[in-house]
């Protein structure tokens, strides 16, 4: 099964972290990404730019509304993601727990709704 590991963290804390701490976190992510690759579960992943670069789009009454910035103001922001393919949710949770972001934020583990499942109404 494919899963998204959605990485949420406090953007302001990350942006204001001391240089040494930021370098350590980047190194930890590099090692984590390498482990995902070596295990064969990695499908995709990337870091996202800060929320100031966000554009939110909503359709209301047939009109497109475009807003600068994120839709919701929250304590933690979506900072990045990994898409992995593993046997089950327990394995996905194990990988999420190993993610460096789990120590400073939240990793949301979400199964991907496969098109075959969707078409079959599951």
PDB file of N, CA and C in Angstrom:
ATOM      1  N   UNK A   1       0.829  -1.184   0.000  1.00  0.00           N
ATOM      2  CA  UNK A   1       0.000   0.000   0.000  1.00  0.00           C
ATOM      3  C   UNK A   1       0.872   1.246   0.000  1.00  0.00           C
ATOM      4  N   UNK A   2       0.344   2.293  -0.605  1.00  0.00           N
ATOM      5  CA  UNK A   2       1.056   3.574  -0.605  1.00  0.00           C
ATOM      6  C   UNK A   2       0.504   4.460   0.502  1.00  0.00           C
ATOM      7  N   UNK A   3       1.410   5.189   1.134  1.00  0.00           N
ATOM      8  CA  UNK A   3       1.050   6.108   2.211  1.00  0.00           C
ATOM      9  C   UNK A   3       1.769   7.432   2.014  1.00  0.00           C
ATOM     10  N   UNK A   4       1.105   8.500   2.429  1.00  0.00           N
ATOM     11  CA  UNK A   4       1.741   9.803   2.511  1.00  0.00           C
ATOM     12  C   UNK A   4       2.148  10.023   3.956  1.00  0.00           C
ATOM     13  N   UNK A   5       3.369  10.436   4.170  1.00  0.00           N
ATOM     14  CA  UNK A   5       3.834  10.881   5.471  1.00  0.00           C
ATOM     15  C   UNK A   5       3.890  12.404   5.374  1.00  0.00           C
ATOM     16  N   UNK A   6       2.914  13.068   5.949  1.00  0.00           N
ATOM     17  CA  UNK A   6       2.809  14.528   5.880  1.00  0.00           C
ATOM     18  C   UNK A   6       3.479  15.121   7.115  1.00  0.00           C
ATOM     19  N   UNK A   7       4.469  15.949   6.891  1.00  0.00           N
ATOM     20  CA  UNK A   7       5.313  16.482   7.958  1.00  0.00           C
ATOM     21  C   UNK A   7       4.818  17.872   8.354  1.00  0.00           C
ATOM     22  N   UNK A   8       4.370  18.001   9.590  1.00  0.00           N
ATOM     23  CA  UNK A   8       3.907  19.279  10.116  1.00  0.00           C
ATOM     24  C   UNK A   8       4.879  19.761  11.180  1.00  0.00           C
ATOM     25  N   UNK A   9       5.229  21.040  11.103  1.00  0.00           N
ATOM     26  CA  UNK A   9       6.119  21.616  12.114  1.00  0.00           C
ATOM     27  C   UNK A   9       5.799  23.089  12.285  1.00  0.00           C
ATOM     28  N   UNK A  10       6.347  23.669  13.335  1.00  0.00           N
ATOM     29  CA  UNK A  10       6.168  25.096  13.565  1.00  0.00           C
ATOM     30  C   UNK A  10       7.163  25.840  12.689  1.00  0.00           C
ATOM     31  N   UNK A  11       6.650  26.453  11.658  1.00  0.00           N
ATOM     32  CA  UNK A  11       7.487  27.126  10.668  1.00  0.00           C
ATOM     33  C   UNK A  11       8.381  28.193  11.297  1.00  0.00           C
ATOM     34  N   UNK A  12       7.829  28.999  12.182  1.00  0.00           N
ATOM     35  CA  UNK A  12       8.600  30.080  12.797  1.00  0.00           C
ATOM     36  C   UNK A  12       9.773  29.518  13.598  1.00  0.00           C
ATOM     37  N   UNK A  13       9.541  28.433  14.324  1.00  0.00           N
ATOM     38  CA  UNK A  13      10.614  27.824  15.112  1.00  0.00           C
ATOM     39  C   UNK A  13      11.718  27.303  14.204  1.00  0.00           C
ATOM     40  N   UNK A  14      11.331  26.712  13.088  1.00  0.00           N
ATOM     41  CA  UNK A  14      12.329  26.187  12.155  1.00  0.00           C
ATOM     42  C   UNK A  14      13.122  27.328  11.509  1.00  0.00           C
ATOM     43  N   UNK A  15      12.444  28.396  11.155  1.00  0.00           N
ATOM     44  CA  UNK A  15      13.111  29.526  10.499  1.00  0.00           C
ATOM     45  C   UNK A  15      14.059  30.251  11.461  1.00  0.00           C
ATOM     46  N   UNK A  16      13.752  30.206  12.770  1.00  0.00           N
ATOM     47  CA  UNK A  16      14.557  30.917  13.765  1.00  0.00           C
ATOM     48  C   UNK A  16      15.526  30.015  14.511  1.00  0.00           C
ATOM     49  N   UNK A  17      15.625  28.777  14.117  1.00  0.00           N
ATOM     50  CA  UNK A  17      16.530  27.834  14.789  1.00  0.00           C
ATOM     51  C   UNK A  17      17.979  28.259  14.562  1.00  0.00           C
ATOM     52  N   UNK A  18      18.827  28.049  15.557  1.00  0.00           N
ATOM     53  CA  UNK A  18      20.247  28.338  15.370  1.00  0.00           C
ATOM     54  C   UNK A  18      20.798  27.540  14.186  1.00  0.00           C
ATOM     55  N   UNK A  19      21.783  28.108  13.513  1.00  0.00           N
ATOM     56  CA  UNK A  19      22.340  27.501  12.300  1.00  0.00           C
ATOM     57  C   UNK A  19      22.789  26.058  12.545  1.00  0.00           C
ATOM     58  N   UNK A  20      23.454  25.807  13.660  1.00  0.00           N
ATOM     59  CA  UNK A  20      23.944  24.460  13.959  1.00  0.00           C
ATOM     60  C   UNK A  20      22.778  23.465  14.097  1.00  0.00           C
ATOM     61  N   UNK A  21      21.718  23.896  14.766  1.00  0.00           N
ATOM     62  CA  UNK A  21      20.542  23.030  14.936  1.00  0.00           C
ATOM     63  C   UNK A  21      19.892  22.745  13.577  1.00  0.00           C
ATOM     64  N   UNK A  22      19.791  23.758  12.729  1.00  0.00           N
ATOM     65  CA  UNK A  22      19.211  23.583  11.397  1.00  0.00           C
ATOM     66  C   UNK A  22      20.054  22.620  10.565  1.00  0.00           C
ATOM     67  N   UNK A  23      21.375  22.740  10.659  1.00  0.00           N
ATOM     68  CA  UNK A  23      22.266  21.836   9.919  1.00  0.00           C
ATOM     69  C   UNK A  23      22.133  20.401  10.412  1.00  0.00           C
ATOM     70  N   UNK A  24      21.977  20.223  11.716  1.00  0.00           N
ATOM     71  CA  UNK A  24      21.783  18.885  12.273  1.00  0.00           C
ATOM     72  C   UNK A  24      20.477  18.269  11.765  1.00  0.00           C
ATOM     73  N   UNK A  25      19.415  19.077  11.706  1.00  0.00           N
ATOM     74  CA  UNK A  25      18.123  18.584  11.230  1.00  0.00           C
ATOM     75  C   UNK A  25      18.217  18.212   9.750  1.00  0.00           C
ATOM     76  N   UNK A  26      18.885  19.036   8.951  1.00  0.00           N
ATOM     77  CA  UNK A  26      19.051  18.722   7.527  1.00  0.00           C
ATOM     78  C   UNK A  26      19.840  17.424   7.348  1.00  0.00           C
ATOM     79  N   UNK A  27      20.869  17.229   8.167  1.00  0.00           N
ATOM     80  CA  UNK A  27      21.647  15.994   8.100  1.00  0.00           C
ATOM     81  C   UNK A  27      20.787  14.795   8.492  1.00  0.00           C
ATOM     82  N   UNK A  28      19.951  14.959   9.510  1.00  0.00           N
ATOM     83  CA  UNK A  28      19.066  13.875   9.935  1.00  0.00           C
ATOM     84  C   UNK A  28      18.076  13.520   8.830  1.00  0.00           C
ATOM     85  N   UNK A  29      17.537  14.532   8.153  1.00  0.00           N
ATOM     86  CA  UNK A  29      16.628  14.272   7.033  1.00  0.00           C
ATOM     87  C   UNK A  29      17.357  13.593   5.879  1.00  0.00           C
ATOM     88  N   UNK A  30      18.596  13.981   5.636  1.00  0.00           N
ATOM     89  CA  UNK A  30      19.377  13.329   4.586  1.00  0.00           C
ATOM     90  C   UNK A  30      19.564  11.850   4.873  1.00  0.00           C
ATOM     91  N   UNK A  31      19.890  11.521   6.123  1.00  0.00           N
ATOM     92  CA  UNK A  31      20.071  10.115   6.517  1.00  0.00           C
ATOM     93  C   UNK A  31      18.749   9.354   6.438  1.00  0.00           C
ATOM     94  N   UNK A  32      17.667   9.985   6.864  1.00  0.00           N
ATOM     95  CA  UNK A  32      16.343   9.354   6.815  1.00  0.00           C
ATOM     96  C   UNK A  32      15.934   9.068   5.374  1.00  0.00           C
ATOM     97  N   UNK A  33      16.126  10.055   4.503  1.00  0.00           N
ATOM     98  CA  UNK A  33      15.782   9.881   3.087  1.00  0.00           C
ATOM     99  C   UNK A  33      16.615   8.769   2.469  1.00  0.00           C
ATOM    100  N   UNK A  34      17.888   8.715   2.809  1.00  0.00           N
ATOM    101  CA  UNK A  34      18.758   7.654   2.303  1.00  0.00           C
ATOM    102  C   UNK A  34      18.267   6.283   2.783  1.00  0.00           C
ATOM    103  N   UNK A  35      17.850   6.190   4.044  1.00  0.00           N
ATOM    104  CA  UNK A  35      17.327   4.926   4.579  1.00  0.00           C
ATOM    105  C   UNK A  35      16.056   4.502   3.839  1.00  0.00           C
ATOM    106  N   UNK A  36      15.182   5.462   3.535  1.00  0.00           N
ATOM    107  CA  UNK A  36      13.969   5.157   2.759  1.00  0.00           C
ATOM    108  C   UNK A  36      14.336   4.613   1.385  1.00  0.00           C
ATOM    109  N   UNK A  37      15.298   5.261   0.738  1.00  0.00           N
ATOM    110  CA  UNK A  37      15.748   4.817  -0.592  1.00  0.00           C
ATOM    111  C   UNK A  37      16.337   3.410  -0.532  1.00  0.00           C
ATOM    112  N   UNK A  38      17.246   3.192   0.416  1.00  0.00           N
ATOM    113  CA  UNK A  38      17.923   1.901   0.519  1.00  0.00           C
ATOM    114  C   UNK A  38      16.959   0.756   0.814  1.00  0.00           C
ATOM    115  N   UNK A  39      15.898   1.051   1.558  1.00  0.00           N
ATOM    116  CA  UNK A  39      14.933   0.002   1.906  1.00  0.00           C
ATOM    117  C   UNK A  39      13.981  -0.302   0.749  1.00  0.00           C
ATOM    118  N   UNK A  40      13.944   0.601  -0.233  1.00  0.00           N
ATOM    119  CA  UNK A  40      13.066   0.390  -1.383  1.00  0.00           C
ATOM    120  C   UNK A  40      11.640   0.861  -1.193  1.00  0.00           C
ATOM    121  N   UNK A  41      11.347   1.576  -0.107  1.00  0.00           N
ATOM    122  CA  UNK A  41       9.969   2.027   0.135  1.00  0.00           C
ATOM    123  C   UNK A  41       9.702   3.438  -0.391  1.00  0.00           C
ATOM    124  N   UNK A  42      10.753   4.208  -0.674  1.00  0.00           N
ATOM    125  CA  UNK A  42      10.607   5.599  -1.102  1.00  0.00           C
ATOM    126  C   UNK A  42      10.005   5.680  -2.498  1.00  0.00           C
ATOM    127  N   UNK A  43       8.954   6.493  -2.650  1.00  0.00           N
ATOM    128  CA  UNK A  43       8.372   6.766  -3.963  1.00  0.00           C
ATOM    129  C   UNK A  43       8.565   8.227  -4.357  1.00  0.00           C
ATOM    130  N   UNK A  44       8.419   9.134  -3.387  1.00  0.00           N
ATOM    131  CA  UNK A  44       8.571  10.567  -3.654  1.00  0.00           C
ATOM    132  C   UNK A  44       8.705  11.284  -2.315  1.00  0.00           C
ATOM    133  N   UNK A  45       9.166  12.503  -2.368  1.00  0.00           N
ATOM    134  CA  UNK A  45       9.245  13.306  -1.162  1.00  0.00           C
ATOM    135  C   UNK A  45       9.931  14.621  -1.451  1.00  0.00           C
ATOM    136  N   UNK A  46       9.564  15.636  -0.682  1.00  0.00           N
ATOM    137  CA  UNK A  46      10.196  16.937  -0.837  1.00  0.00           C
ATOM    138  C   UNK A  46       9.824  17.841   0.314  1.00  0.00           C
ATOM    139  N   UNK A  47      10.639  18.883   0.460  1.00  0.00           N
ATOM    140  CA  UNK A  47      10.382  19.941   1.428  1.00  0.00           C
ATOM    141  C   UNK A  47       9.549  21.003   0.724  1.00  0.00           C
ATOM    142  N   UNK A  48       8.655  21.641   1.463  1.00  0.00           N
ATOM    143  CA  UNK A  48       7.826  22.693   0.892  1.00  0.00           C
ATOM    144  C   UNK A  48       8.352  24.060   1.304  1.00  0.00           C
ATOM    145  N   UNK A  49       8.146  25.036   0.445  1.00  0.00           N
ATOM    146  CA  UNK A  49       8.548  26.409   0.768  1.00  0.00           C
ATOM    147  C   UNK A  49       7.647  26.940   1.881  1.00  0.00           C
ATOM    148  N   UNK A  50       8.074  28.009   2.573  1.00  0.00           N
ATOM    149  CA  UNK A  50       7.278  28.571   3.680  1.00  0.00           C
ATOM    150  C   UNK A  50       5.877  29.010   3.238  1.00  0.00           C
ATOM    151  N   UNK A  51       5.002  29.138   4.225  1.00  0.00           N
ATOM    152  CA  UNK A  51       3.599  29.454   3.940  1.00  0.00           C
ATOM    153  C   UNK A  51       3.415  30.809   3.258  1.00  0.00           C
ATOM    154  N   UNK A  52       4.397  31.708   3.364  1.00  0.00           N
ATOM    155  CA  UNK A  52       4.279  32.989   2.656  1.00  0.00           C
ATOM    156  C   UNK A  52       4.187  32.774   1.145  1.00  0.00           C
ATOM    157  N   UNK A  53       4.690  31.661   0.657  1.00  0.00           N
ATOM    158  CA  UNK A  53       4.668  31.362  -0.777  1.00  0.00           C
ATOM    159  C   UNK A  53       3.383  30.643  -1.197  1.00  0.00           C
ATOM    160  N   UNK A  54       2.490  30.397  -0.237  1.00  0.00           N
ATOM    161  CA  UNK A  54       1.267  29.639  -0.495  1.00  0.00           C
ATOM    162  C   UNK A  54       0.214  30.476  -1.204  1.00  0.00           C
ATOM    163  N   UNK A  55      -0.501  29.839  -2.096  1.00  0.00           N
ATOM    164  CA  UNK A  55      -1.691  30.409  -2.710  1.00  0.00           C
ATOM    165  C   UNK A  55      -2.815  29.407  -2.502  1.00  0.00           C
ATOM    166  N   UNK A  56      -3.932  29.872  -1.935  1.00  0.00           N
ATOM    167  CA  UNK A  56      -5.089  29.002  -1.698  1.00  0.00           C
ATOM    168  C   UNK A  56      -6.175  29.346  -2.709  1.00  0.00           C
ATOM    169  N   UNK A  57      -6.777  28.308  -3.277  1.00  0.00           N
ATOM    170  CA  UNK A  57      -7.808  28.490  -4.299  1.00  0.00           C
ATOM    171  C   UNK A  57      -9.083  27.803  -3.833  1.00  0.00           C
ATOM    172  N   UNK A  58     -10.211  28.531  -3.901  1.00  0.00           N
ATOM    173  CA  UNK A  58     -11.521  27.985  -3.570  1.00  0.00           C
ATOM    174  C   UNK A  58     -12.494  28.399  -4.670  1.00  0.00           C
ATOM    175  N   UNK A  59     -13.444  27.540  -4.919  1.00  0.00           N
ATOM    176  CA  UNK A  59     -14.493  27.831  -5.887  1.00  0.00           C
ATOM    177  C   UNK A  59     -15.784  28.030  -5.106  1.00  0.00           C
ATOM    178  N   UNK A  60     -16.414  29.207  -5.253  1.00  0.00           N
ATOM    179  CA  UNK A  60     -17.669  29.512  -4.559  1.00  0.00           C
ATOM    180  C   UNK A  60     -18.613  30.204  -5.536  1.00  0.00           C
ATOM    181  N   UNK A  61     -19.795  29.650  -5.671  1.00  0.00           N
ATOM    182  CA  UNK A  61     -20.802  30.211  -6.580  1.00  0.00           C
ATOM    183  C   UNK A  61     -20.255  30.383  -7.991  1.00  0.00           C
ATOM    184  N   UNK A  62     -19.472  29.420  -8.430  1.00  0.00           N
ATOM    185  CA  UNK A  62     -18.925  29.439  -9.780  1.00  0.00           C
ATOM    186  C   UNK A  62     -17.770  30.405  -9.982  1.00  0.00           C
ATOM    187  N   UNK A  63     -17.329  31.075  -8.937  1.00  0.00           N
ATOM    188  CA  UNK A  63     -16.227  32.029  -9.032  1.00  0.00           C
ATOM    189  C   UNK A  63     -14.996  31.459  -8.330  1.00  0.00           C
ATOM    190  N   UNK A  64     -13.855  31.664  -8.941  1.00  0.00           N
ATOM    191  CA  UNK A  64     -12.598  31.242  -8.352  1.00  0.00           C
ATOM    192  C   UNK A  64     -12.088  32.331  -7.426  1.00  0.00           C
ATOM    193  N   UNK A  65     -11.860  31.964  -6.183  1.00  0.00           N
ATOM    194  CA  UNK A  65     -11.294  32.893  -5.201  1.00  0.00           C
ATOM    195  C   UNK A  65      -9.858  32.472  -4.928  1.00  0.00           C
ATOM    196  N   UNK A  66      -8.943  33.397  -5.126  1.00  0.00           N
ATOM    197  CA  UNK A  66      -7.526  33.132  -4.910  1.00  0.00           C
ATOM    198  C   UNK A  66      -7.065  33.978  -3.734  1.00  0.00           C
ATOM    199  N   UNK A  67      -6.470  33.298  -2.743  1.00  0.00           N
ATOM    200  CA  UNK A  67      -5.986  33.988  -1.551  1.00  0.00           C
ATOM    201  C   UNK A  67      -4.495  33.733  -1.403  1.00  0.00           C
ATOM    202  N   UNK A  68      -3.754  34.769  -1.052  1.00  0.00           N
ATOM    203  CA  UNK A  68      -2.342  34.591  -0.742  1.00  0.00           C
ATOM    204  C   UNK A  68      -2.241  34.020   0.661  1.00  0.00           C
ATOM    205  N   UNK A  69      -1.385  33.054   0.826  1.00  0.00           N
ATOM    206  CA  UNK A  69      -1.181  32.452   2.132  1.00  0.00           C
ATOM    207  C   UNK A  69      -1.991  31.185   2.317  1.00  0.00           C
ATOM    208  N   UNK A  70      -1.761  30.516   3.439  1.00  0.00           N
ATOM    209  CA  UNK A  70      -2.464  29.257   3.708  1.00  0.00           C
ATOM    210  C   UNK A  70      -3.930  29.508   4.019  1.00  0.00           C
ATOM    211  N   UNK A  71      -4.733  28.484   3.859  1.00  0.00           N
ATOM    212  CA  UNK A  71      -6.168  28.583   4.118  1.00  0.00           C
ATOM    213  C   UNK A  71      -6.444  28.760   5.602  1.00  0.00           C
ATOM    214  N   UNK A  72      -5.743  28.007   6.433  1.00  0.00           N
ATOM    215  CA  UNK A  72      -5.983  28.048   7.874  1.00  0.00           C
ATOM    216  C   UNK A  72      -4.732  28.515   8.610  1.00  0.00           C
ATOM    217  N   UNK A  73      -4.950  29.282   9.666  1.00  0.00           N
ATOM    218  CA  UNK A  73      -3.854  29.707  10.521  1.00  0.00           C
ATOM    219  C   UNK A  73      -3.761  28.693  11.653  1.00  0.00           C
ATOM    220  N   UNK A  74      -2.690  27.907  11.665  1.00  0.00           N
ATOM    221  CA  UNK A  74      -2.543  26.841  12.647  1.00  0.00           C
ATOM    222  C   UNK A  74      -1.183  26.927  13.323  1.00  0.00           C
ATOM    223  N   UNK A  75      -1.051  26.204  14.433  1.00  0.00           N
ATOM    224  CA  UNK A  75       0.227  26.176  15.157  1.00  0.00           C
ATOM    225  C   UNK A  75       1.317  25.533  14.308  1.00  0.00           C
ATOM    226  N   UNK A  76       0.971  24.424  13.653  1.00  0.00           N
ATOM    227  CA  UNK A  76       1.924  23.716  12.805  1.00  0.00           C
ATOM    228  C   UNK A  76       1.500  23.859  11.347  1.00  0.00           C
ATOM    229  N   UNK A  77       2.490  23.933  10.472  1.00  0.00           N
ATOM    230  CA  UNK A  77       2.235  24.059   9.045  1.00  0.00           C
ATOM    231  C   UNK A  77       2.790  22.843   8.317  1.00  0.00           C
ATOM    232  N   UNK A  78       2.182  22.524   7.175  1.00  0.00           N
ATOM    233  CA  UNK A  78       2.684  21.438   6.347  1.00  0.00           C
ATOM    234  C   UNK A  78       4.034  21.868   5.785  1.00  0.00           C
ATOM    235  N   UNK A  79       5.077  21.129   6.143  1.00  0.00           N
ATOM    236  CA  UNK A  79       6.439  21.512   5.778  1.00  0.00           C
ATOM    237  C   UNK A  79       7.030  20.635   4.685  1.00  0.00           C
ATOM    238  N   UNK A  80       6.484  19.438   4.509  1.00  0.00           N
ATOM    239  CA  UNK A  80       7.021  18.529   3.509  1.00  0.00           C
ATOM    240  C   UNK A  80       6.279  17.216   3.539  1.00  0.00           C
ATOM    241  N   UNK A  81       6.746  16.283   2.728  1.00  0.00           N
ATOM    242  CA  UNK A  81       6.058  15.002   2.629  1.00  0.00           C
ATOM    243  C   UNK A  81       6.992  13.928   2.101  1.00  0.00           C
ATOM    244  N   UNK A  82       6.626  12.710   2.361  1.00  0.00           N
ATOM    245  CA  UNK A  82       7.208  11.528   1.734  1.00  0.00           C
ATOM    246  C   UNK A  82       6.050  10.662   1.277  1.00  0.00           C
ATOM    247  N   UNK A  83       6.189  10.048   0.124  1.00  0.00           N
ATOM    248  CA  UNK A  83       5.250   9.020  -0.301  1.00  0.00           C
ATOM    249  C   UNK A  83       6.032   7.717  -0.276  1.00  0.00           C
ATOM    250  N   UNK A  84       5.499   6.752   0.473  1.00  0.00           N
ATOM    251  CA  UNK A  84       6.174   5.469   0.603  1.00  0.00           C
ATOM    252  C   UNK A  84       5.229   4.342   0.208  1.00  0.00           C
ATOM    253  N   UNK A  85       5.810   3.199  -0.107  1.00  0.00           N
ATOM    254  CA  UNK A  85       5.018   2.010  -0.392  1.00  0.00           C
ATOM    255  C   UNK A  85       5.513   0.903   0.530  1.00  0.00           C
ATOM    256  N   UNK A  86       4.622   0.469   1.415  1.00  0.00           N
ATOM    257  CA  UNK A  86       4.950  -0.554   2.409  1.00  0.00           C
ATOM    258  C   UNK A  86       3.802  -1.549   2.515  1.00  0.00           C
ATOM    259  N   UNK A  87       4.015  -2.599   3.251  1.00  0.00           N
ATOM    260  CA  UNK A  87       3.038  -3.686   3.342  1.00  0.00           C
ATOM    261  C   UNK A  87       1.763  -3.304   4.086  1.00  0.00           C
ATOM    262  N   UNK A  88       1.890  -2.457   5.129  1.00  0.00           N
ATOM    263  CA  UNK A  88       0.712  -2.181   5.953  1.00  0.00           C
ATOM    264  C   UNK A  88       0.901  -0.884   6.751  1.00  0.00           C
ATOM    265  N   UNK A  89      -0.175  -0.506   7.461  1.00  0.00           N
ATOM    266  CA  UNK A  89      -0.161   0.733   8.245  1.00  0.00           C
ATOM    267  C   UNK A  89       0.880   0.678   9.364  1.00  0.00           C
ATOM    268  N   UNK A  90       1.087  -0.478   9.960  1.00  0.00           N
ATOM    269  CA  UNK A  90       2.064  -0.587  11.038  1.00  0.00           C
ATOM    270  C   UNK A  90       3.468  -0.242  10.543  1.00  0.00           C
ATOM    271  N   UNK A  91       3.805  -0.703   9.344  1.00  0.00           N
ATOM    272  CA  UNK A  91       5.113  -0.392   8.773  1.00  0.00           C
ATOM    273  C   UNK A  91       5.207   1.092   8.442  1.00  0.00           C
ATOM    274  N   UNK A  92       4.129   1.666   7.930  1.00  0.00           N
ATOM    275  CA  UNK A  92       4.112   3.106   7.639  1.00  0.00           C
ATOM    276  C   UNK A  92       4.313   3.910   8.920  1.00  0.00           C
ATOM    277  N   UNK A  93       3.682   3.482  10.005  1.00  0.00           N
ATOM    278  CA  UNK A  93       3.827   4.175  11.285  1.00  0.00           C
ATOM    279  C   UNK A  93       5.266   4.055  11.797  1.00  0.00           C
ATOM    280  N   UNK A  94       5.878   2.900  11.608  1.00  0.00           N
ATOM    281  CA  UNK A  94       7.273   2.733  12.011  1.00  0.00           C
ATOM    282  C   UNK A  94       8.175   3.719  11.268  1.00  0.00           C
ATOM    283  N   UNK A  95       7.946   3.873   9.953  1.00  0.00           N
ATOM    284  CA  UNK A  95       8.737   4.838   9.184  1.00  0.00           C
ATOM    285  C   UNK A  95       8.443   6.263   9.635  1.00  0.00           C
ATOM    286  N   UNK A  96       7.194   6.573   9.929  1.00  0.00           N
ATOM    287  CA  UNK A  96       6.836   7.921  10.388  1.00  0.00           C
ATOM    288  C   UNK A  96       7.533   8.237  11.710  1.00  0.00           C
ATOM    289  N   UNK A  97       7.614   7.266  12.596  1.00  0.00           N
ATOM    290  CA  UNK A  97       8.269   7.477  13.888  1.00  0.00           C
ATOM    291  C   UNK A  97       9.760   7.731  13.726  1.00  0.00           C
ATOM    292  N   UNK A  98      10.355   7.233  12.666  1.00  0.00           N
ATOM    293  CA  UNK A  98      11.784   7.439  12.405  1.00  0.00           C
ATOM    294  C   UNK A  98      12.068   8.798  11.754  1.00  0.00           C
ATOM    295  N   UNK A  99      11.044   9.450  11.236  1.00  0.00           N
ATOM    296  CA  UNK A  99      11.216  10.737  10.553  1.00  0.00           C
ATOM    297  C   UNK A  99      11.715  11.785  11.552  1.00  0.00           C
ATOM    298  N   UNK A 100      12.750  12.546  11.199  1.00  0.00           N
ATOM    299  CA  UNK A 100      13.259  13.570  12.116  1.00  0.00           C
ATOM    300  C   UNK A 100      12.188  14.566  12.559  1.00  0.00           C
ATOM    301  N   UNK A 101      11.228  14.840  11.708  1.00  0.00           N
ATOM    302  CA  UNK A 101      10.175  15.786  12.053  1.00  0.00           C
ATOM    303  C   UNK A 101       9.278  15.322  13.183  1.00  0.00           C
ATOM    304  N   UNK A 102       9.251  14.027  13.458  1.00  0.00           N
ATOM    305  CA  UNK A 102       8.418  13.497  14.542  1.00  0.00           C
ATOM    306  C   UNK A 102       8.894  13.988  15.904  1.00  0.00           C
ATOM    307  N   UNK A 103      10.165  14.366  16.007  1.00  0.00           N
ATOM    308  CA  UNK A 103      10.703  14.826  17.290  1.00  0.00           C
ATOM    309  C   UNK A 103      10.396  16.299  17.558  1.00  0.00           C
ATOM    310  N   UNK A 104       9.972  17.039  16.536  1.00  0.00           N
ATOM    311  CA  UNK A 104       9.695  18.472  16.724  1.00  0.00           C
ATOM    312  C   UNK A 104       8.308  18.873  16.249  1.00  0.00           C
ATOM    313  N   UNK A 105       7.576  17.956  15.668  1.00  0.00           N
ATOM    314  CA  UNK A 105       6.254  18.271  15.141  1.00  0.00           C
ATOM    315  C   UNK A 105       5.408  17.013  15.059  1.00  0.00           C
ATOM    316  N   UNK A 106       4.609  16.936  14.013  1.00  0.00           N
ATOM    317  CA  UNK A 106       3.678  15.827  13.823  1.00  0.00           C
ATOM    318  C   UNK A 106       3.867  15.233  12.443  1.00  0.00           C
ATOM    319  N   UNK A 107       3.828  13.916  12.367  1.00  0.00           N
ATOM    320  CA  UNK A 107       3.835  13.234  11.078  1.00  0.00           C
ATOM    321  C   UNK A 107       2.462  12.587  10.912  1.00  0.00           C
ATOM    322  N   UNK A 108       1.711  13.050   9.948  1.00  0.00           N
ATOM    323  CA  UNK A 108       0.401  12.465   9.650  1.00  0.00           C
ATOM    324  C   UNK A 108       0.614  11.339   8.644  1.00  0.00           C
ATOM    325  N   UNK A 109       0.131  10.155   8.969  1.00  0.00           N
ATOM    326  CA  UNK A 109       0.238   9.001   8.080  1.00  0.00           C
ATOM    327  C   UNK A 109      -1.130   8.810   7.439  1.00  0.00           C
ATOM    328  N   UNK A 110      -1.170   8.987   6.123  1.00  0.00           N
ATOM    329  CA  UNK A 110      -2.452   8.884   5.430  1.00  0.00           C
ATOM    330  C   UNK A 110      -2.343   7.921   4.259  1.00  0.00           C
ATOM    331  N   UNK A 111      -3.224   6.878   4.249  1.00  0.00           N
ATOM    332  CA  UNK A 111      -3.219   5.953   3.117  1.00  0.00           C
ATOM    333  C   UNK A 111      -3.681   6.666   1.845  1.00  0.00           C
ATOM    334  N   UNK A 112      -3.105   6.261   0.752  1.00  0.00           N
ATOM    335  CA  UNK A 112      -3.521   6.806  -0.538  1.00  0.00           C
ATOM    336  C   UNK A 112      -4.653   5.939  -1.064  1.00  0.00           C
ATOM    337  N   UNK A 113      -5.698   6.579  -1.511  1.00  0.00           N
ATOM    338  CA  UNK A 113      -6.860   5.892  -2.046  1.00  0.00           C
ATOM    339  C   UNK A 113      -6.532   5.480  -3.473  1.00  0.00           C
ATOM    340  N   UNK A 114      -6.191   4.230  -3.643  1.00  0.00           N
ATOM    341  CA  UNK A 114      -5.805   3.718  -4.957  1.00  0.00           C
ATOM    342  C   UNK A 114      -6.989   3.834  -5.909  1.00  0.00           C
ATOM    343  N   UNK A 115      -6.732   4.169  -7.159  1.00  0.00           N
ATOM    344  CA  UNK A 115      -7.792   4.352  -8.154  1.00  0.00           C
ATOM    345  C   UNK A 115      -8.644   3.092  -8.309  1.00  0.00           C
ATOM    346  N   UNK A 116      -8.047   1.916  -8.235  1.00  0.00           N
ATOM    347  CA  UNK A 116      -8.819   0.683  -8.356  1.00  0.00           C
ATOM    348  C   UNK A 116      -9.815   0.562  -7.204  1.00  0.00           C
ATOM    349  N   UNK A 117      -9.393   0.950  -5.989  1.00  0.00           N
ATOM    350  CA  UNK A 117     -10.284   0.924  -4.834  1.00  0.00           C
ATOM    351  C   UNK A 117     -11.409   1.932  -5.027  1.00  0.00           C
ATOM    352  N   UNK A 118     -11.042   3.115  -5.478  1.00  0.00           N
ATOM    353  CA  UNK A 118     -12.016   4.187  -5.680  1.00  0.00           C
ATOM    354  C   UNK A 118     -13.061   3.766  -6.717  1.00  0.00           C
ATOM    355  N   UNK A 119     -12.600   3.211  -7.817  1.00  0.00           N
ATOM    356  CA  UNK A 119     -13.514   2.783  -8.877  1.00  0.00           C
ATOM    357  C   UNK A 119     -14.444   1.666  -8.398  1.00  0.00           C
ATOM    358  N   UNK A 120     -13.939   0.829  -7.486  1.00  0.00           N
ATOM    359  CA  UNK A 120     -14.740  -0.281  -6.964  1.00  0.00           C
ATOM    360  C   UNK A 120     -15.650   0.166  -5.811  1.00  0.00           C
ATOM    361  N   UNK A 121     -15.560   1.436  -5.431  1.00  0.00           N
ATOM    362  CA  UNK A 121     -16.405   1.969  -4.367  1.00  0.00           C
ATOM    363  C   UNK A 121     -15.959   1.596  -2.970  1.00  0.00           C
ATOM    364  N   UNK A 122     -14.696   1.277  -2.785  1.00  0.00           N
ATOM    365  CA  UNK A 122     -14.184   0.890  -1.459  1.00  0.00           C
ATOM    366  C   UNK A 122     -13.701   2.087  -0.695  1.00  0.00           C
TER     367      UNK A 122
END
